């Protein structure tokens, strides 16, 4: 049985991998349009990372949320 905490940690890891990959691509790309798209994806991943971390902190603060 997978707990919510495990699920959140998994999601967090996934978004961090995505963010790293997108940052790497945006450093490599020369074309402006692709670079903007990729940077947008990286920004979305980063905001999701922050969002998930906030949820994890809330869950840690209150044991029975």
PDB file of N, CA and C in Angstrom:
ATOM      1  N   UNK A   1       0.854  -1.206   0.000  1.00  0.00           N
ATOM      2  CA  UNK A   1       0.000   0.000   0.000  1.00  0.00           C
ATOM      3  C   UNK A   1       0.889   1.254   0.000  1.00  0.00           C
ATOM      4  N   UNK A   2       0.620   2.146  -0.921  1.00  0.00           N
ATOM      5  CA  UNK A   2       1.434   3.375  -1.022  1.00  0.00           C
ATOM      6  C   UNK A   2       0.769   4.494  -0.211  1.00  0.00           C
ATOM      7  N   UNK A   3       1.550   5.167   0.609  1.00  0.00           N
ATOM      8  CA  UNK A   3       0.993   6.250   1.422  1.00  0.00           C
ATOM      9  C   UNK A   3       1.050   7.559   0.636  1.00  0.00           C
ATOM     10  N   UNK A   4       0.325   8.561   1.125  1.00  0.00           N
ATOM     11  CA  UNK A   4       0.314   9.871   0.471  1.00  0.00           C
ATOM     12  C   UNK A   4       1.708  10.491   0.508  1.00  0.00           C
ATOM     13  N   UNK A   5       2.414  10.283   1.613  1.00  0.00           N
ATOM     14  CA  UNK A   5       3.764  10.843   1.736  1.00  0.00           C
ATOM     15  C   UNK A   5       4.708  10.261   0.687  1.00  0.00           C
ATOM     16  N   UNK A   6       4.610   8.925   0.495  1.00  0.00           N
ATOM     17  CA  UNK A   6       5.438   8.284  -0.535  1.00  0.00           C
ATOM     18  C   UNK A   6       5.114   8.848  -1.901  1.00  0.00           C
ATOM     19  N   UNK A   7       3.813   9.010  -2.149  1.00  0.00           N
ATOM     20  CA  UNK A   7       3.344   9.537  -3.436  1.00  0.00           C
ATOM     21  C   UNK A   7       3.901  10.943  -3.673  1.00  0.00           C
ATOM     22  N   UNK A   8       3.838  11.788  -2.640  1.00  0.00           N
ATOM     23  CA  UNK A   8       4.338  13.163  -2.750  1.00  0.00           C
ATOM     24  C   UNK A   8       5.839  13.183  -3.021  1.00  0.00           C
ATOM     25  N   UNK A   9       6.570  12.322  -2.319  1.00  0.00           N
ATOM     26  CA  UNK A   9       8.021  12.265  -2.516  1.00  0.00           C
ATOM     27  C   UNK A   9       8.355  11.824  -3.934  1.00  0.00           C
ATOM     28  N   UNK A  10       7.565  10.864  -4.449  1.00  0.00           N
ATOM     29  CA  UNK A  10       7.753  10.374  -5.802  1.00  0.00           C
ATOM     30  C   UNK A  10       7.530  11.504  -6.815  1.00  0.00           C
ATOM     31  N   UNK A  11       6.417  12.242  -6.619  1.00  0.00           N
ATOM     32  CA  UNK A  11       6.094  13.362  -7.503  1.00  0.00           C
ATOM     33  C   UNK A  11       7.197  14.420  -7.448  1.00  0.00           C
ATOM     34  N   UNK A  12       7.656  14.722  -6.249  1.00  0.00           N
ATOM     35  CA  UNK A  12       8.698  15.724  -6.050  1.00  0.00           C
ATOM     36  C   UNK A  12       9.946  15.334  -6.842  1.00  0.00           C
ATOM     37  N   UNK A  13      10.335  14.058  -6.715  1.00  0.00           N
ATOM     38  CA  UNK A  13      11.507  13.551  -7.426  1.00  0.00           C
ATOM     39  C   UNK A  13      11.318  13.684  -8.933  1.00  0.00           C
ATOM     40  N   UNK A  14      10.120  13.322  -9.411  1.00  0.00           N
ATOM     41  CA  UNK A  14       9.816  13.368 -10.833  1.00  0.00           C
ATOM     42  C   UNK A  14       9.944  14.794 -11.379  1.00  0.00           C
ATOM     43  N   UNK A  15       9.359  15.754 -10.654  1.00  0.00           N
ATOM     44  CA  UNK A  15       9.417  17.143 -11.113  1.00  0.00           C
ATOM     45  C   UNK A  15      10.835  17.697 -11.060  1.00  0.00           C
ATOM     46  N   UNK A  16      11.628  17.254 -10.065  1.00  0.00           N
ATOM     47  CA  UNK A  16      13.007  17.719  -9.991  1.00  0.00           C
ATOM     48  C   UNK A  16      13.816  17.199 -11.174  1.00  0.00           C
ATOM     49  N   UNK A  17      13.563  15.930 -11.565  1.00  0.00           N
ATOM     50  CA  UNK A  17      14.234  15.363 -12.732  1.00  0.00           C
ATOM     51  C   UNK A  17      13.862  16.157 -13.981  1.00  0.00           C
ATOM     52  N   UNK A  18      12.544  16.439 -14.133  1.00  0.00           N
ATOM     53  CA  UNK A  18      12.057  17.200 -15.283  1.00  0.00           C
ATOM     54  C   UNK A  18      12.719  18.572 -15.330  1.00  0.00           C
ATOM     55  N   UNK A  19      12.751  19.236 -14.170  1.00  0.00           N
ATOM     56  CA  UNK A  19      13.317  20.583 -14.100  1.00  0.00           C
ATOM     57  C   UNK A  19      14.780  20.568 -14.552  1.00  0.00           C
ATOM     58  N   UNK A  20      15.540  19.607 -14.036  1.00  0.00           N
ATOM     59  CA  UNK A  20      16.953  19.506 -14.403  1.00  0.00           C
ATOM     60  C   UNK A  20      17.115  19.290 -15.904  1.00  0.00           C
ATOM     61  N   UNK A  21      16.274  18.417 -16.458  1.00  0.00           N
ATOM     62  CA  UNK A  21      16.363  18.112 -17.885  1.00  0.00           C
ATOM     63  C   UNK A  21      16.028  19.339 -18.734  1.00  0.00           C
ATOM     64  N   UNK A  22      14.965  20.048 -18.360  1.00  0.00           N
ATOM     65  CA  UNK A  22      14.568  21.235 -19.116  1.00  0.00           C
ATOM     66  C   UNK A  22      15.620  22.334 -19.022  1.00  0.00           C
ATOM     67  N   UNK A  23      16.208  22.494 -17.842  1.00  0.00           N
ATOM     68  CA  UNK A  23      17.264  23.508 -17.691  1.00  0.00           C
ATOM     69  C   UNK A  23      18.434  23.164 -18.606  1.00  0.00           C
ATOM     70  N   UNK A  24      18.763  21.873 -18.662  1.00  0.00           N
ATOM     71  CA  UNK A  24      19.868  21.411 -19.502  1.00  0.00           C
ATOM     72  C   UNK A  24      19.572  21.710 -20.968  1.00  0.00           C
ATOM     73  N   UNK A  25      18.341  21.404 -21.415  1.00  0.00           N
ATOM     74  CA  UNK A  25      17.954  21.655 -22.812  1.00  0.00           C
ATOM     75  C   UNK A  25      18.002  23.150 -23.117  1.00  0.00           C
ATOM     76  N   UNK A  26      17.478  23.973 -22.219  1.00  0.00           N
ATOM     77  CA  UNK A  26      17.416  25.412 -22.495  1.00  0.00           C
ATOM     78  C   UNK A  26      18.818  26.021 -22.557  1.00  0.00           C
ATOM     79  N   UNK A  27      19.783  25.423 -21.846  1.00  0.00           N
ATOM     80  CA  UNK A  27      21.171  25.889 -21.975  1.00  0.00           C
ATOM     81  C   UNK A  27      21.726  25.539 -23.353  1.00  0.00           C
ATOM     82  N   UNK A  28      21.312  24.373 -23.860  1.00  0.00           N
ATOM     83  CA  UNK A  28      21.859  23.875 -25.119  1.00  0.00           C
ATOM     84  C   UNK A  28      21.244  24.535 -26.359  1.00  0.00           C
ATOM     85  N   UNK A  29      19.950  24.899 -26.297  1.00  0.00           N
ATOM     86  CA  UNK A  29      19.258  25.313 -27.517  1.00  0.00           C
ATOM     87  C   UNK A  29      19.647  26.703 -27.979  1.00  0.00           C
ATOM     88  N   UNK A  30      19.713  26.852 -29.287  1.00  0.00           N
ATOM     89  CA  UNK A  30      20.028  28.137 -29.904  1.00  0.00           C
ATOM     90  C   UNK A  30      18.733  28.829 -30.346  1.00  0.00           C
ATOM     91  N   UNK A  31      17.755  28.032 -30.805  1.00  0.00           N
ATOM     92  CA  UNK A  31      16.516  28.610 -31.338  1.00  0.00           C
ATOM     93  C   UNK A  31      15.685  29.235 -30.233  1.00  0.00           C
ATOM     94  N   UNK A  32      15.251  30.449 -30.458  1.00  0.00           N
ATOM     95  CA  UNK A  32      14.579  31.221 -29.413  1.00  0.00           C
ATOM     96  C   UNK A  32      13.239  30.613 -29.005  1.00  0.00           C
ATOM     97  N   UNK A  33      12.434  30.166 -29.998  1.00  0.00           N
ATOM     98  CA  UNK A  33      11.092  29.676 -29.686  1.00  0.00           C
ATOM     99  C   UNK A  33      11.132  28.408 -28.836  1.00  0.00           C
ATOM    100  N   UNK A  34      12.030  27.497 -29.223  1.00  0.00           N
ATOM    101  CA  UNK A  34      12.170  26.252 -28.462  1.00  0.00           C
ATOM    102  C   UNK A  34      12.639  26.572 -27.042  1.00  0.00           C
ATOM    103  N   UNK A  35      13.616  27.487 -26.961  1.00  0.00           N
ATOM    104  CA  UNK A  35      14.168  27.864 -25.657  1.00  0.00           C
ATOM    105  C   UNK A  35      13.077  28.415 -24.742  1.00  0.00           C
ATOM    106  N   UNK A  36      12.201  29.273 -25.273  1.00  0.00           N
ATOM    107  CA  UNK A  36      11.124  29.855 -24.467  1.00  0.00           C
ATOM    108  C   UNK A  36      10.166  28.765 -23.970  1.00  0.00           C
ATOM    109  N   UNK A  37       9.808  27.840 -24.880  1.00  0.00           N
ATOM    110  CA  UNK A  37       8.914  26.738 -24.508  1.00  0.00           C
ATOM    111  C   UNK A  37       9.514  25.910 -23.384  1.00  0.00           C
ATOM    112  N   UNK A  38      10.786  25.570 -23.557  1.00  0.00           N
ATOM    113  CA  UNK A  38      11.479  24.730 -22.589  1.00  0.00           C
ATOM    114  C   UNK A  38      11.603  25.439 -21.244  1.00  0.00           C
ATOM    115  N   UNK A  39      11.903  26.745 -21.287  1.00  0.00           N
ATOM    116  CA  UNK A  39      12.030  27.497 -20.040  1.00  0.00           C
ATOM    117  C   UNK A  39      10.688  27.607 -19.323  1.00  0.00           C
ATOM    118  N   UNK A  40       9.605  27.684 -20.099  1.00  0.00           N
ATOM    119  CA  UNK A  40       8.273  27.698 -19.504  1.00  0.00           C
ATOM    120  C   UNK A  40       8.014  26.381 -18.770  1.00  0.00           C
ATOM    121  N   UNK A  41       8.373  25.271 -19.421  1.00  0.00           N
ATOM    122  CA  UNK A  41       8.203  23.955 -18.799  1.00  0.00           C
ATOM    123  C   UNK A  41       9.025  23.849 -17.518  1.00  0.00           C
ATOM    124  N   UNK A  42      10.244  24.386 -17.564  1.00  0.00           N
ATOM    125  CA  UNK A  42      11.109  24.363 -16.387  1.00  0.00           C
ATOM    126  C   UNK A  42      10.483  25.183 -15.255  1.00  0.00           C
ATOM    127  N   UNK A  43       9.878  26.321 -15.603  1.00  0.00           N
ATOM    128  CA  UNK A  43       9.240  27.175 -14.600  1.00  0.00           C
ATOM    129  C   UNK A  43       8.048  26.466 -13.969  1.00  0.00           C
ATOM    130  N   UNK A  44       7.259  25.790 -14.815  1.00  0.00           N
ATOM    131  CA  UNK A  44       6.106  25.035 -14.314  1.00  0.00           C
ATOM    132  C   UNK A  44       6.578  23.942 -13.359  1.00  0.00           C
ATOM    133  N   UNK A  45       7.630  23.208 -13.759  1.00  0.00           N
ATOM    134  CA  UNK A  45       8.182  22.158 -12.910  1.00  0.00           C
ATOM    135  C   UNK A  45       8.643  22.728 -11.578  1.00  0.00           C
ATOM    136  N   UNK A  46       9.295  23.882 -11.653  1.00  0.00           N
ATOM    137  CA  UNK A  46       9.807  24.510 -10.433  1.00  0.00           C
ATOM    138  C   UNK A  46       8.669  24.919  -9.502  1.00  0.00           C
ATOM    139  N   UNK A  47       7.589  25.477 -10.075  1.00  0.00           N
ATOM    140  CA  UNK A  47       6.460  25.886  -9.237  1.00  0.00           C
ATOM    141  C   UNK A  47       5.781  24.660  -8.623  1.00  0.00           C
ATOM    142  N   UNK A  48       5.749  23.547  -9.373  1.00  0.00           N
ATOM    143  CA  UNK A  48       5.183  22.308  -8.830  1.00  0.00           C
ATOM    144  C   UNK A  48       6.042  21.776  -7.690  1.00  0.00           C
ATOM    145  N   UNK A  49       7.359  21.881  -7.845  1.00  0.00           N
ATOM    146  CA  UNK A  49       8.271  21.453  -6.776  1.00  0.00           C
ATOM    147  C   UNK A  49       7.961  22.232  -5.496  1.00  0.00           C
ATOM    148  N   UNK A  50       7.816  23.561  -5.628  1.00  0.00           N
ATOM    149  CA  UNK A  50       7.496  24.402  -4.474  1.00  0.00           C
ATOM    150  C   UNK A  50       6.167  24.027  -3.864  1.00  0.00           C
ATOM    151  N   UNK A  51       5.191  23.754  -4.721  1.00  0.00           N
ATOM    152  CA  UNK A  51       3.841  23.405  -4.284  1.00  0.00           C
ATOM    153  C   UNK A  51       3.853  22.093  -3.494  1.00  0.00           C
ATOM    154  N   UNK A  52       4.536  21.085  -4.038  1.00  0.00           N
ATOM    155  CA  UNK A  52       4.599  19.779  -3.369  1.00  0.00           C
ATOM    156  C   UNK A  52       5.354  19.882  -2.047  1.00  0.00           C
ATOM    157  N   UNK A  53       6.446  20.650  -2.034  1.00  0.00           N
ATOM    158  CA  UNK A  53       7.201  20.834  -0.791  1.00  0.00           C
ATOM    159  C   UNK A  53       6.328  21.473   0.288  1.00  0.00           C
ATOM    160  N   UNK A  54       5.481  22.429  -0.132  1.00  0.00           N
ATOM    161  CA  UNK A  54       4.580  23.097   0.797  1.00  0.00           C
ATOM    162  C   UNK A  54       3.593  22.091   1.398  1.00  0.00           C
ATOM    163  N   UNK A  55       3.051  21.220   0.538  1.00  0.00           N
ATOM    164  CA  UNK A  55       2.115  20.192   1.015  1.00  0.00           C
ATOM    165  C   UNK A  55       2.809  19.252   1.999  1.00  0.00           C
ATOM    166  N   UNK A  56       4.037  18.829   1.664  1.00  0.00           N
ATOM    167  CA  UNK A  56       4.795  17.939   2.559  1.00  0.00           C
ATOM    168  C   UNK A  56       5.022  18.615   3.906  1.00  0.00           C
ATOM    169  N   UNK A  57       5.382  19.901   3.891  1.00  0.00           N
ATOM    170  CA  UNK A  57       5.601  20.631   5.142  1.00  0.00           C
ATOM    171  C   UNK A  57       4.326  20.727   5.968  1.00  0.00           C
ATOM    172  N   UNK A  58       3.201  20.967   5.285  1.00  0.00           N
ATOM    173  CA  UNK A  58       1.916  21.030   5.984  1.00  0.00           C
ATOM    174  C   UNK A  58       1.598  19.692   6.640  1.00  0.00           C
ATOM    175  N   UNK A  59       1.861  18.611   5.907  1.00  0.00           N
ATOM    176  CA  UNK A  59       1.586  17.272   6.439  1.00  0.00           C
ATOM    177  C   UNK A  59       2.505  16.951   7.618  1.00  0.00           C
ATOM    178  N   UNK A  60       3.742  17.406   7.544  1.00  0.00           N
ATOM    179  CA  UNK A  60       4.672  17.167   8.647  1.00  0.00           C
ATOM    180  C   UNK A  60       4.306  17.995   9.873  1.00  0.00           C
ATOM    181  N   UNK A  61       3.781  19.194   9.630  1.00  0.00           N
ATOM    182  CA  UNK A  61       3.378  20.068  10.729  1.00  0.00           C
ATOM    183  C   UNK A  61       2.213  19.485  11.509  1.00  0.00           C
ATOM    184  N   UNK A  62       1.218  18.981  10.773  1.00  0.00           N
ATOM    185  CA  UNK A  62       0.050  18.378  11.406  1.00  0.00           C
ATOM    186  C   UNK A  62       0.035  16.898  11.055  1.00  0.00           C
ATOM    187  N   UNK A  63       0.211  16.066  12.075  1.00  0.00           N
ATOM    188  CA  UNK A  63       0.333  14.626  11.836  1.00  0.00           C
ATOM    189  C   UNK A  63      -0.945  14.034  11.250  1.00  0.00           C
ATOM    190  N   UNK A  64      -2.096  14.570  11.642  1.00  0.00           N
ATOM    191  CA  UNK A  64      -3.355  13.935  11.231  1.00  0.00           C
ATOM    192  C   UNK A  64      -4.159  14.796  10.252  1.00  0.00           C
ATOM    193  N   UNK A  65      -3.467  15.367   9.245  1.00  0.00           N
ATOM    194  CA  UNK A  65      -4.188  16.154   8.231  1.00  0.00           C
ATOM    195  C   UNK A  65      -4.922  15.191   7.308  1.00  0.00           C
TER     196      UNK A  65
END
